[in-house]
């Protein structure tokens, strides 16, 4: 029987993959995630928890069992390629959330258990492609965002020191120290209170208008637009990654179906069987048409012979 383990594993993977790729499976899991989120919201009301304590606990156990079953089905879909299951970050995240929720220390710690249940809500992003793209874009924008933060911190430090040097004596409430100056300038990036700051600076010197104008120009326009550019670029990269992942998944599924061979004939999707049935009907119709062609040709020859015979006497007459 060892030689049957390979085909059996491929057949199990094909059946499980057909389940996980179906719209019904995706919709069911998404509804479970939404239901789990609703259950957590209900548990924030003490009155409902006291009245429905046993029912809420039972519902929580049922949700956990359903999510554990989902992980098992997804793992079975990779039975022929177990390593691919662990290469998907979403599979690792789902497995960690469910496994930790089953751990004894998590069951005994209410805070940890609530956090793990809250993490299940984040799994909804797996079934929402646009949200998944945004999350991937955020991850890809982190290097550029760190560079933005370094440049912003340097700009804030320089302008805070300049403000402390020139405005500390006349406006100690906002520029009396490096920390106060940095806090004031951080708020000015959002243009909040800019008018009051400019008026207070003009009371000290007319040249402070250059100080505030240059800071707002660099901080509120240049740096913010730079950050927007980094995010948009990361969003485009995330879309390309999502498209490549979809193409890779399709190619992998095709390769697996081809490798399964006859053993997976029963696992072909319904649409493939429908196409095969239509091809068979078309072939049968073509065969019937070909069989009718000789009879049609003989009839046409006979008719042309009759016409020729009738035309000859007419010519002689």
C-alpha atoms as a PDB file:
ATOM      1  CA  UNK A   1       0.000   0.000   0.000  1.00  0.00           C
ATOM      2  CA  UNK A   2       2.881   2.511   0.298  1.00  0.00           C
ATOM      3  CA  UNK A   3       2.774   3.090  -3.450  1.00  0.00           C
ATOM      4  CA  UNK A   4      -0.828   4.308  -3.078  1.00  0.00           C
ATOM      5  CA  UNK A   5       0.051   7.022  -0.549  1.00  0.00           C
ATOM      6  CA  UNK A   6       1.083   9.477  -3.272  1.00  0.00           C
ATOM      7  CA  UNK A   7      -2.133   9.248  -5.376  1.00  0.00           C
ATOM      8  CA  UNK A   8      -4.278   9.149  -2.234  1.00  0.00           C
ATOM      9  CA  UNK A   9      -2.595  12.275  -0.919  1.00  0.00           C
ATOM     10  CA  UNK A  10      -3.085  14.038  -4.239  1.00  0.00           C
ATOM     11  CA  UNK A  11      -6.726  13.001  -4.334  1.00  0.00           C
ATOM     12  CA  UNK A  12      -7.253  14.312  -0.786  1.00  0.00           C
ATOM     13  CA  UNK A  13      -5.569  17.578  -1.730  1.00  0.00           C
ATOM     14  CA  UNK A  14      -7.701  17.893  -4.871  1.00  0.00           C
ATOM     15  CA  UNK A  15     -10.950  17.329  -2.955  1.00  0.00           C
ATOM     16  CA  UNK A  16      -9.967  19.722  -0.168  1.00  0.00           C
ATOM     17  CA  UNK A  17      -8.755  22.339  -2.644  1.00  0.00           C
ATOM     18  CA  UNK A  18     -12.077  22.181  -4.445  1.00  0.00           C
ATOM     19  CA  UNK A  19     -13.767  22.927  -1.109  1.00  0.00           C
ATOM     20  CA  UNK A  20     -11.463  25.785  -0.116  1.00  0.00           C
ATOM     21  CA  UNK A  21     -11.704  27.387  -3.560  1.00  0.00           C
ATOM     22  CA  UNK A  22     -15.485  27.332  -3.579  1.00  0.00           C
ATOM     23  CA  UNK A  23     -17.494  30.486  -2.972  1.00  0.00           C
ATOM     24  CA  UNK A  24     -19.621  28.704  -0.359  1.00  0.00           C
ATOM     25  CA  UNK A  25     -16.576  27.931   1.791  1.00  0.00           C
ATOM     26  CA  UNK A  26     -15.293  31.503   1.589  1.00  0.00           C
ATOM     27  CA  UNK A  27     -18.708  32.954   2.408  1.00  0.00           C
ATOM     28  CA  UNK A  28     -19.186  30.574   5.328  1.00  0.00           C
ATOM     29  CA  UNK A  29     -15.825  31.391   6.899  1.00  0.00           C
ATOM     30  CA  UNK A  30     -16.378  35.119   6.427  1.00  0.00           C
ATOM     31  CA  UNK A  31     -19.790  34.850   8.100  1.00  0.00           C
ATOM     32  CA  UNK A  32     -18.180  32.961  10.980  1.00  0.00           C
ATOM     33  CA  UNK A  33     -15.651  35.768  11.430  1.00  0.00           C
ATOM     34  CA  UNK A  34     -18.409  38.381  11.414  1.00  0.00           C
ATOM     35  CA  UNK A  35     -20.434  36.288  13.856  1.00  0.00           C
ATOM     36  CA  UNK A  36     -17.420  35.945  16.136  1.00  0.00           C
ATOM     37  CA  UNK A  37     -16.998  39.745  16.084  1.00  0.00           C
ATOM     38  CA  UNK A  38     -20.675  40.215  16.917  1.00  0.00           C
ATOM     39  CA  UNK A  39     -20.356  37.743  19.786  1.00  0.00           C
ATOM     40  CA  UNK A  40     -17.434  39.700  21.229  1.00  0.00           C
ATOM     41  CA  UNK A  41     -19.498  42.883  21.012  1.00  0.00           C
ATOM     42  CA  UNK A  42     -22.394  41.240  22.849  1.00  0.00           C
ATOM     43  CA  UNK A  43     -20.064  40.139  25.658  1.00  0.00           C
ATOM     44  CA  UNK A  44     -19.272  43.782  26.465  1.00  0.00           C
ATOM     45  CA  UNK A  45     -22.770  44.142  27.944  1.00  0.00           C
ATOM     46  CA  UNK A  46     -22.762  42.791  31.490  1.00  0.00           C
ATOM     47  CA  UNK A  47     -26.507  42.259  31.589  1.00  0.00           C
ATOM     48  CA  UNK A  48     -26.503  40.045  28.505  1.00  0.00           C
ATOM     49  CA  UNK A  49     -23.489  38.091  29.762  1.00  0.00           C
ATOM     50  CA  UNK A  50     -25.249  37.296  33.023  1.00  0.00           C
ATOM     51  CA  UNK A  51     -28.465  36.229  31.304  1.00  0.00           C
ATOM     52  CA  UNK A  52     -26.869  34.260  28.476  1.00  0.00           C
ATOM     53  CA  UNK A  53     -23.587  33.125  30.036  1.00  0.00           C
ATOM     54  CA  UNK A  54     -23.899  29.443  29.131  1.00  0.00           C
ATOM     55  CA  UNK A  55     -25.179  30.143  25.620  1.00  0.00           C
ATOM     56  CA  UNK A  56     -22.375  32.614  24.909  1.00  0.00           C
ATOM     57  CA  UNK A  57     -19.757  30.150  26.141  1.00  0.00           C
ATOM     58  CA  UNK A  58     -21.227  27.425  23.940  1.00  0.00           C
ATOM     59  CA  UNK A  59     -21.204  29.773  20.952  1.00  0.00           C
ATOM     60  CA  UNK A  60     -17.548  30.634  21.613  1.00  0.00           C
ATOM     61  CA  UNK A  61     -16.603  26.936  21.679  1.00  0.00           C
ATOM     62  CA  UNK A  62     -18.530  26.326  18.461  1.00  0.00           C
ATOM     63  CA  UNK A  63     -16.740  29.207  16.742  1.00  0.00           C
ATOM     64  CA  UNK A  64     -13.377  27.878  17.875  1.00  0.00           C
ATOM     65  CA  UNK A  65     -14.242  24.387  16.626  1.00  0.00           C
ATOM     66  CA  UNK A  66     -15.354  25.796  13.270  1.00  0.00           C
ATOM     67  CA  UNK A  67     -12.122  27.753  12.850  1.00  0.00           C
ATOM     68  CA  UNK A  68     -10.079  24.689  13.792  1.00  0.00           C
ATOM     69  CA  UNK A  69     -11.961  22.672  11.166  1.00  0.00           C
ATOM     70  CA  UNK A  70     -11.250  25.385   8.604  1.00  0.00           C
ATOM     71  CA  UNK A  71      -7.517  25.139   9.310  1.00  0.00           C
ATOM     72  CA  UNK A  72      -7.641  21.352   8.933  1.00  0.00           C
ATOM     73  CA  UNK A  73      -9.384  21.640   5.558  1.00  0.00           C
ATOM     74  CA  UNK A  74      -6.846  24.216   4.370  1.00  0.00           C
ATOM     75  CA  UNK A  75      -4.001  21.975   5.527  1.00  0.00           C
ATOM     76  CA  UNK A  76      -5.569  19.021   3.718  1.00  0.00           C
ATOM     77  CA  UNK A  77      -5.680  21.119   0.542  1.00  0.00           C
ATOM     78  CA  UNK A  78      -1.858  21.172   0.735  1.00  0.00           C
ATOM     79  CA  UNK A  79      -1.499  17.463   1.511  1.00  0.00           C
ATOM     80  CA  UNK A  80       0.482  16.917  -1.682  1.00  0.00           C
ATOM     81  CA  UNK A  81       2.673  19.980  -0.988  1.00  0.00           C
ATOM     82  CA  UNK A  82       2.842  20.518   2.813  1.00  0.00           C
ATOM     83  CA  UNK A  83       5.567  23.153   2.567  1.00  0.00           C
ATOM     84  CA  UNK A  84       3.343  25.433   0.509  1.00  0.00           C
ATOM     85  CA  UNK A  85       0.902  25.629   3.416  1.00  0.00           C
ATOM     86  CA  UNK A  86       3.556  27.185   5.644  1.00  0.00           C
ATOM     87  CA  UNK A  87       4.766  29.546   2.919  1.00  0.00           C
ATOM     88  CA  UNK A  88       1.486  31.449   2.987  1.00  0.00           C
ATOM     89  CA  UNK A  89       1.598  34.156   5.715  1.00  0.00           C
ATOM     90  CA  UNK A  90      -2.183  34.051   6.089  1.00  0.00           C
ATOM     91  CA  UNK A  91      -2.084  30.320   6.826  1.00  0.00           C
ATOM     92  CA  UNK A  92       0.553  30.899   9.497  1.00  0.00           C
ATOM     93  CA  UNK A  93      -1.482  33.708  11.021  1.00  0.00           C
ATOM     94  CA  UNK A  94      -4.672  31.615  11.086  1.00  0.00           C
ATOM     95  CA  UNK A  95      -2.835  28.623  12.518  1.00  0.00           C
ATOM     96  CA  UNK A  96      -1.214  30.732  15.251  1.00  0.00           C
ATOM     97  CA  UNK A  97      -4.506  32.355  16.263  1.00  0.00           C
ATOM     98  CA  UNK A  98      -6.374  29.053  16.494  1.00  0.00           C
ATOM     99  CA  UNK A  99      -3.513  27.093  18.097  1.00  0.00           C
ATOM    100  CA  UNK A 100      -2.876  29.729  20.767  1.00  0.00           C
ATOM    101  CA  UNK A 101      -6.588  29.886  21.565  1.00  0.00           C
ATOM    102  CA  UNK A 102      -6.480  26.136  22.273  1.00  0.00           C
ATOM    103  CA  UNK A 103      -3.395  26.431  24.492  1.00  0.00           C
ATOM    104  CA  UNK A 104      -4.012  25.958  28.248  1.00  0.00           C
ATOM    105  CA  UNK A 105      -2.387  29.237  29.290  1.00  0.00           C
ATOM    106  CA  UNK A 106      -4.660  31.173  26.910  1.00  0.00           C
ATOM    107  CA  UNK A 107      -7.788  29.436  28.176  1.00  0.00           C
ATOM    108  CA  UNK A 108      -6.887  30.391  31.732  1.00  0.00           C
ATOM    109  CA  UNK A 109      -6.032  34.031  30.949  1.00  0.00           C
ATOM    110  CA  UNK A 110      -9.139  36.010  30.005  1.00  0.00           C
ATOM    111  CA  UNK A 111      -7.154  38.964  28.646  1.00  0.00           C
ATOM    112  CA  UNK A 112      -5.015  36.828  26.345  1.00  0.00           C
ATOM    113  CA  UNK A 113      -8.093  34.928  25.178  1.00  0.00           C
ATOM    114  CA  UNK A 114      -9.915  38.165  24.328  1.00  0.00           C
ATOM    115  CA  UNK A 115      -6.909  39.409  22.355  1.00  0.00           C
ATOM    116  CA  UNK A 116      -6.745  36.148  20.410  1.00  0.00           C
ATOM    117  CA  UNK A 117     -10.451  36.324  19.683  1.00  0.00           C
ATOM    118  CA  UNK A 118      -9.979  39.891  18.542  1.00  0.00           C
ATOM    119  CA  UNK A 119      -7.203  38.708  16.212  1.00  0.00           C
ATOM    120  CA  UNK A 120      -9.738  36.460  14.496  1.00  0.00           C
ATOM    121  CA  UNK A 121     -11.524  39.569  13.261  1.00  0.00           C
ATOM    122  CA  UNK A 122      -8.377  40.552  11.384  1.00  0.00           C
ATOM    123  CA  UNK A 123      -8.689  37.323   9.424  1.00  0.00           C
ATOM    124  CA  UNK A 124     -11.544  38.952   7.518  1.00  0.00           C
ATOM    125  CA  UNK A 125      -8.886  40.746   5.465  1.00  0.00           C
ATOM    126  CA  UNK A 126      -8.012  37.377   3.921  1.00  0.00           C
ATOM    127  CA  UNK A 127     -11.389  37.253   2.192  1.00  0.00           C
ATOM    128  CA  UNK A 128     -11.426  40.930   1.124  1.00  0.00           C
ATOM    129  CA  UNK A 129      -8.918  41.407  -1.714  1.00  0.00           C
ATOM    130  CA  UNK A 130      -8.912  45.204  -1.544  1.00  0.00           C
ATOM    131  CA  UNK A 131      -8.278  45.206   2.211  1.00  0.00           C
ATOM    132  CA  UNK A 132      -5.563  42.598   1.727  1.00  0.00           C
ATOM    133  CA  UNK A 133      -3.891  44.810  -0.866  1.00  0.00           C
ATOM    134  CA  UNK A 134      -3.964  47.780   1.533  1.00  0.00           C
ATOM    135  CA  UNK A 135      -2.413  45.710   4.332  1.00  0.00           C
ATOM    136  CA  UNK A 136       0.351  44.489   2.025  1.00  0.00           C
ATOM    137  CA  UNK A 137       0.890  48.074   0.852  1.00  0.00           C
ATOM    138  CA  UNK A 138       1.285  49.245   4.441  1.00  0.00           C
ATOM    139  CA  UNK A 139       3.917  46.592   5.031  1.00  0.00           C
ATOM    140  CA  UNK A 140       5.792  47.522   1.875  1.00  0.00           C
ATOM    141  CA  UNK A 141       5.662  51.237   2.705  1.00  0.00           C
ATOM    142  CA  UNK A 142       7.386  50.780   6.075  1.00  0.00           C
ATOM    143  CA  UNK A 143      10.957  51.257   4.744  1.00  0.00           C
ATOM    144  CA  UNK A 144       9.950  54.445   2.950  1.00  0.00           C
ATOM    145  CA  UNK A 145       7.947  55.579   5.964  1.00  0.00           C
ATOM    146  CA  UNK A 146      10.964  55.133   8.229  1.00  0.00           C
ATOM    147  CA  UNK A 147      13.014  57.324   5.899  1.00  0.00           C
ATOM    148  CA  UNK A 148      10.206  59.875   5.978  1.00  0.00           C
ATOM    149  CA  UNK A 149      10.193  59.823   9.781  1.00  0.00           C
ATOM    150  CA  UNK A 150      13.963  60.342   9.924  1.00  0.00           C
ATOM    151  CA  UNK A 151      13.790  63.328   7.570  1.00  0.00           C
ATOM    152  CA  UNK A 152      10.788  64.711   9.460  1.00  0.00           C
ATOM    153  CA  UNK A 153      12.541  64.291  12.814  1.00  0.00           C
ATOM    154  CA  UNK A 154      15.617  66.084  11.503  1.00  0.00           C
ATOM    155  CA  UNK A 155      13.502  68.951  10.153  1.00  0.00           C
ATOM    156  CA  UNK A 156      11.562  69.185  13.408  1.00  0.00           C
ATOM    157  CA  UNK A 157      14.734  69.227  15.489  1.00  0.00           C
ATOM    158  CA  UNK A 158      16.379  71.976  13.423  1.00  0.00           C
ATOM    159  CA  UNK A 159      13.309  74.241  13.440  1.00  0.00           C
ATOM    160  CA  UNK A 160      12.685  73.552  17.139  1.00  0.00           C
ATOM    161  CA  UNK A 161      16.196  74.676  17.999  1.00  0.00           C
ATOM    162  CA  UNK A 162      15.845  77.774  15.816  1.00  0.00           C
ATOM    163  CA  UNK A 163      12.518  78.598  17.442  1.00  0.00           C
ATOM    164  CA  UNK A 164      13.956  78.123  20.935  1.00  0.00           C
ATOM    165  CA  UNK A 165      16.880  80.430  20.127  1.00  0.00           C
ATOM    166  CA  UNK A 166      14.783  83.288  18.752  1.00  0.00           C
ATOM    167  CA  UNK A 167      11.381  82.926  20.445  1.00  0.00           C
ATOM    168  CA  UNK A 168      12.028  81.367  23.868  1.00  0.00           C
ATOM    169  CA  UNK A 169      12.247  84.682  25.748  1.00  0.00           C
ATOM    170  CA  UNK A 170       9.169  86.256  24.152  1.00  0.00           C
ATOM    171  CA  UNK A 171       6.996  83.137  23.889  1.00  0.00           C
ATOM    172  CA  UNK A 172       8.130  80.691  26.601  1.00  0.00           C
ATOM    173  CA  UNK A 173       4.772  78.925  26.630  1.00  0.00           C
ATOM    174  CA  UNK A 174       5.326  77.511  23.143  1.00  0.00           C
ATOM    175  CA  UNK A 175       9.101  77.788  22.609  1.00  0.00           C
ATOM    176  CA  UNK A 176      10.485  77.808  26.190  1.00  0.00           C
ATOM    177  CA  UNK A 177      12.274  74.469  25.702  1.00  0.00           C
ATOM    178  CA  UNK A 178      13.151  72.042  22.957  1.00  0.00           C
ATOM    179  CA  UNK A 179      10.216  69.802  23.881  1.00  0.00           C
ATOM    180  CA  UNK A 180       7.676  72.644  23.871  1.00  0.00           C
ATOM    181  CA  UNK A 181       9.002  73.963  20.560  1.00  0.00           C
ATOM    182  CA  UNK A 182       8.825  70.468  19.010  1.00  0.00           C
ATOM    183  CA  UNK A 183       5.259  70.014  20.268  1.00  0.00           C
ATOM    184  CA  UNK A 184       4.218  73.400  18.872  1.00  0.00           C
ATOM    185  CA  UNK A 185       5.773  72.723  15.498  1.00  0.00           C
ATOM    186  CA  UNK A 186       4.255  69.231  15.356  1.00  0.00           C
ATOM    187  CA  UNK A 187       0.819  70.783  15.666  1.00  0.00           C
ATOM    188  CA  UNK A 188       1.692  73.374  13.028  1.00  0.00           C
ATOM    189  CA  UNK A 189       2.270  70.584  10.475  1.00  0.00           C
ATOM    190  CA  UNK A 190      -1.503  70.057  10.543  1.00  0.00           C
ATOM    191  CA  UNK A 191      -1.915  73.859  10.126  1.00  0.00           C
ATOM    192  CA  UNK A 192      -3.760  73.912  13.458  1.00  0.00           C
ATOM    193  CA  UNK A 193      -3.156  77.234  15.227  1.00  0.00           C
ATOM    194  CA  UNK A 194      -0.930  78.570  12.464  1.00  0.00           C
ATOM    195  CA  UNK A 195      -2.588  81.988  12.496  1.00  0.00           C
ATOM    196  CA  UNK A 196      -2.057  82.460  16.233  1.00  0.00           C
ATOM    197  CA  UNK A 197       1.580  81.351  15.954  1.00  0.00           C
ATOM    198  CA  UNK A 198       2.277  83.765  13.091  1.00  0.00           C
ATOM    199  CA  UNK A 199       0.672  86.693  14.932  1.00  0.00           C
ATOM    200  CA  UNK A 200       2.681  85.916  18.056  1.00  0.00           C
ATOM    201  CA  UNK A 201       5.844  85.755  15.975  1.00  0.00           C
ATOM    202  CA  UNK A 202       5.147  89.063  14.223  1.00  0.00           C
ATOM    203  CA  UNK A 203       5.017  90.730  17.619  1.00  0.00           C
ATOM    204  CA  UNK A 204       8.648  89.676  18.058  1.00  0.00           C
ATOM    205  CA  UNK A 205       9.973  90.305  14.546  1.00  0.00           C
ATOM    206  CA  UNK A 206       8.701  90.586  11.020  1.00  0.00           C
ATOM    207  CA  UNK A 207      11.321  88.027   9.937  1.00  0.00           C
ATOM    208  CA  UNK A 208       9.523  85.256  11.810  1.00  0.00           C
ATOM    209  CA  UNK A 209       7.137  85.050   8.879  1.00  0.00           C
ATOM    210  CA  UNK A 210       9.968  83.428   6.902  1.00  0.00           C
ATOM    211  CA  UNK A 211      10.513  80.964   9.731  1.00  0.00           C
ATOM    212  CA  UNK A 212       6.891  79.799   9.844  1.00  0.00           C
ATOM    213  CA  UNK A 213       6.344  79.969   6.087  1.00  0.00           C
ATOM    214  CA  UNK A 214       9.394  77.849   5.302  1.00  0.00           C
ATOM    215  CA  UNK A 215       8.497  75.328   7.986  1.00  0.00           C
ATOM    216  CA  UNK A 216       4.906  74.950   6.767  1.00  0.00           C
ATOM    217  CA  UNK A 217       6.089  74.657   3.173  1.00  0.00           C
ATOM    218  CA  UNK A 218       8.588  71.892   3.990  1.00  0.00           C
ATOM    219  CA  UNK A 219       6.611  70.106   6.679  1.00  0.00           C
ATOM    220  CA  UNK A 220       3.010  70.343   5.509  1.00  0.00           C
ATOM    221  CA  UNK A 221       3.493  70.158   1.757  1.00  0.00           C
ATOM    222  CA  UNK A 222       6.818  68.617   0.762  1.00  0.00           C
ATOM    223  CA  UNK A 223       7.031  65.902   3.427  1.00  0.00           C
ATOM    224  CA  UNK A 224       3.333  65.029   3.376  1.00  0.00           C
ATOM    225  CA  UNK A 225       3.323  64.726  -0.417  1.00  0.00           C
ATOM    226  CA  UNK A 226       6.457  62.615  -0.161  1.00  0.00           C
ATOM    227  CA  UNK A 227       4.669  60.282   2.250  1.00  0.00           C
ATOM    228  CA  UNK A 228       1.655  60.064  -0.064  1.00  0.00           C
ATOM    229  CA  UNK A 229       3.964  59.175  -2.943  1.00  0.00           C
ATOM    230  CA  UNK A 230       5.572  56.395  -0.889  1.00  0.00           C
ATOM    231  CA  UNK A 231       2.166  54.947   0.028  1.00  0.00           C
ATOM    232  CA  UNK A 232       0.847  55.086  -3.559  1.00  0.00           C
ATOM    233  CA  UNK A 233       3.989  53.406  -4.878  1.00  0.00           C
ATOM    234  CA  UNK A 234       3.658  50.676  -2.248  1.00  0.00           C
ATOM    235  CA  UNK A 235       0.004  50.242  -3.181  1.00  0.00           C
ATOM    236  CA  UNK A 236       0.928  49.623  -6.813  1.00  0.00           C
ATOM    237  CA  UNK A 237       3.562  47.093  -5.756  1.00  0.00           C
ATOM    238  CA  UNK A 238       1.002  45.351  -3.544  1.00  0.00           C
ATOM    239  CA  UNK A 239      -1.412  45.079  -6.464  1.00  0.00           C
ATOM    240  CA  UNK A 240       1.292  43.531  -8.614  1.00  0.00           C
ATOM    241  CA  UNK A 241       2.136  41.053  -5.855  1.00  0.00           C
ATOM    242  CA  UNK A 242      -1.550  40.139  -5.509  1.00  0.00           C
ATOM    243  CA  UNK A 243      -1.846  39.582  -9.264  1.00  0.00           C
ATOM    244  CA  UNK A 244       1.313  37.453  -9.316  1.00  0.00           C
ATOM    245  CA  UNK A 245       0.044  35.420  -6.367  1.00  0.00           C
ATOM    246  CA  UNK A 246      -3.246  34.747  -8.157  1.00  0.00           C
ATOM    247  CA  UNK A 247      -1.410  33.647 -11.311  1.00  0.00           C
ATOM    248  CA  UNK A 248       0.914  31.447  -9.271  1.00  0.00           C
ATOM    249  CA  UNK A 249      -2.017  29.827  -7.466  1.00  0.00           C
ATOM    250  CA  UNK A 250      -3.749  29.122 -10.772  1.00  0.00           C
ATOM    251  CA  UNK A 251      -0.588  27.613 -12.260  1.00  0.00           C
ATOM    252  CA  UNK A 252      -0.033  25.487  -9.156  1.00  0.00           C
ATOM    253  CA  UNK A 253      -3.589  24.177  -9.241  1.00  0.00           C
ATOM    254  CA  UNK A 254      -3.255  23.318 -12.940  1.00  0.00           C
ATOM    255  CA  UNK A 255       0.031  21.513 -12.348  1.00  0.00           C
ATOM    256  CA  UNK A 256      -1.412  19.580  -9.442  1.00  0.00           C
ATOM    257  CA  UNK A 257      -4.428  18.523 -11.500  1.00  0.00           C
ATOM    258  CA  UNK A 258      -2.167  17.359 -14.325  1.00  0.00           C
ATOM    259  CA  UNK A 259       0.075  15.462 -11.912  1.00  0.00           C
ATOM    260  CA  UNK A 260      -2.895  13.771 -10.274  1.00  0.00           C
ATOM    261  CA  UNK A 261      -3.749  12.027 -13.546  1.00  0.00           C
ATOM    262  CA  UNK A 262      -6.524   9.447 -13.692  1.00  0.00           C
ATOM    263  CA  UNK A 263      -6.678   9.145  -9.916  1.00  0.00           C
ATOM    264  CA  UNK A 264      -8.196  12.573  -9.706  1.00  0.00           C
ATOM    265  CA  UNK A 265     -10.729  12.072 -12.477  1.00  0.00           C
ATOM    266  CA  UNK A 266     -13.560  11.988  -9.973  1.00  0.00           C
ATOM    267  CA  UNK A 267     -12.368  15.264  -8.480  1.00  0.00           C
ATOM    268  CA  UNK A 268     -12.704  17.369 -11.617  1.00  0.00           C
ATOM    269  CA  UNK A 269     -14.910  20.427 -11.159  1.00  0.00           C
ATOM    270  CA  UNK A 270     -18.449  20.355 -12.446  1.00  0.00           C
ATOM    271  CA  UNK A 271     -17.737  22.895 -15.165  1.00  0.00           C
ATOM    272  CA  UNK A 272     -15.017  20.647 -16.635  1.00  0.00           C
ATOM    273  CA  UNK A 273     -17.439  17.732 -16.782  1.00  0.00           C
ATOM    274  CA  UNK A 274     -19.991  19.989 -18.456  1.00  0.00           C
ATOM    275  CA  UNK A 275     -17.445  21.031 -21.096  1.00  0.00           C
ATOM    276  CA  UNK A 276     -16.575  17.402 -21.753  1.00  0.00           C
ATOM    277  CA  UNK A 277     -20.251  16.541 -22.135  1.00  0.00           C
ATOM    278  CA  UNK A 278     -20.764  19.340 -24.655  1.00  0.00           C
ATOM    279  CA  UNK A 279     -17.686  18.277 -26.609  1.00  0.00           C
ATOM    280  CA  UNK A 280     -19.079  14.737 -26.808  1.00  0.00           C
ATOM    281  CA  UNK A 281     -22.419  16.035 -28.051  1.00  0.00           C
ATOM    282  CA  UNK A 282     -20.666  18.150 -30.686  1.00  0.00           C
ATOM    283  CA  UNK A 283     -18.643  15.151 -31.859  1.00  0.00           C
ATOM    284  CA  UNK A 284     -21.798  13.015 -32.102  1.00  0.00           C
ATOM    285  CA  UNK A 285     -23.506  15.712 -34.157  1.00  0.00           C
ATOM    286  CA  UNK A 286     -20.492  15.895 -36.493  1.00  0.00           C
ATOM    287  CA  UNK A 287     -20.493  12.115 -36.915  1.00  0.00           C
ATOM    288  CA  UNK A 288     -24.186  12.171 -37.791  1.00  0.00           C
ATOM    289  CA  UNK A 289     -23.577  14.946 -40.292  1.00  0.00           C
ATOM    290  CA  UNK A 290     -20.722  13.026 -41.913  1.00  0.00           C
ATOM    291  CA  UNK A 291     -22.878   9.905 -42.218  1.00  0.00           C
ATOM    292  CA  UNK A 292     -25.546  11.947 -43.972  1.00  0.00           C
ATOM    293  CA  UNK A 293     -23.128  13.457 -46.479  1.00  0.00           C
ATOM    294  CA  UNK A 294     -22.778  10.345 -48.788  1.00  0.00           C
ATOM    295  CA  UNK A 295     -26.549   9.953 -49.098  1.00  0.00           C
ATOM    296  CA  UNK A 296     -26.882  13.622 -49.917  1.00  0.00           C
ATOM    297  CA  UNK A 297     -24.151  13.341 -52.580  1.00  0.00           C
ATOM    298  CA  UNK A 298     -25.822  10.290 -54.203  1.00  0.00           C
ATOM    299  CA  UNK A 299     -29.157  12.119 -54.305  1.00  0.00           C
ATOM    300  CA  UNK A 300     -27.543  15.140 -55.920  1.00  0.00           C
ATOM    301  CA  UNK A 301     -25.840  12.933 -58.562  1.00  0.00           C
ATOM    302  CA  UNK A 302     -29.101  11.170 -59.368  1.00  0.00           C
ATOM    303  CA  UNK A 303     -30.907  14.476 -59.764  1.00  0.00           C
ATOM    304  CA  UNK A 304     -28.228  15.852 -62.082  1.00  0.00           C
ATOM    305  CA  UNK A 305     -28.403  12.623 -64.192  1.00  0.00           C
ATOM    306  CA  UNK A 306     -32.159  12.961 -64.592  1.00  0.00           C
ATOM    307  CA  UNK A 307     -31.809  16.547 -65.680  1.00  0.00           C
ATOM    308  CA  UNK A 308     -29.169  15.605 -68.255  1.00  0.00           C
ATOM    309  CA  UNK A 309     -31.330  12.779 -69.689  1.00  0.00           C
ATOM    310  CA  UNK A 310     -34.316  15.049 -70.039  1.00  0.00           C
ATOM    311  CA  UNK A 311     -32.242  17.748 -71.717  1.00  0.00           C
ATOM    312  CA  UNK A 312     -30.816  15.487 -74.472  1.00  0.00           C
ATOM    313  CA  UNK A 313     -34.150  14.599 -76.195  1.00  0.00           C
ATOM    314  CA  UNK A 314     -35.182  18.197 -76.012  1.00  0.00           C
ATOM    315  CA  UNK A 315     -32.031  19.175 -77.882  1.00  0.00           C
ATOM    316  CA  UNK A 316     -32.539  16.548 -80.579  1.00  0.00           C
ATOM    317  CA  UNK A 317     -36.088  17.676 -81.145  1.00  0.00           C
END
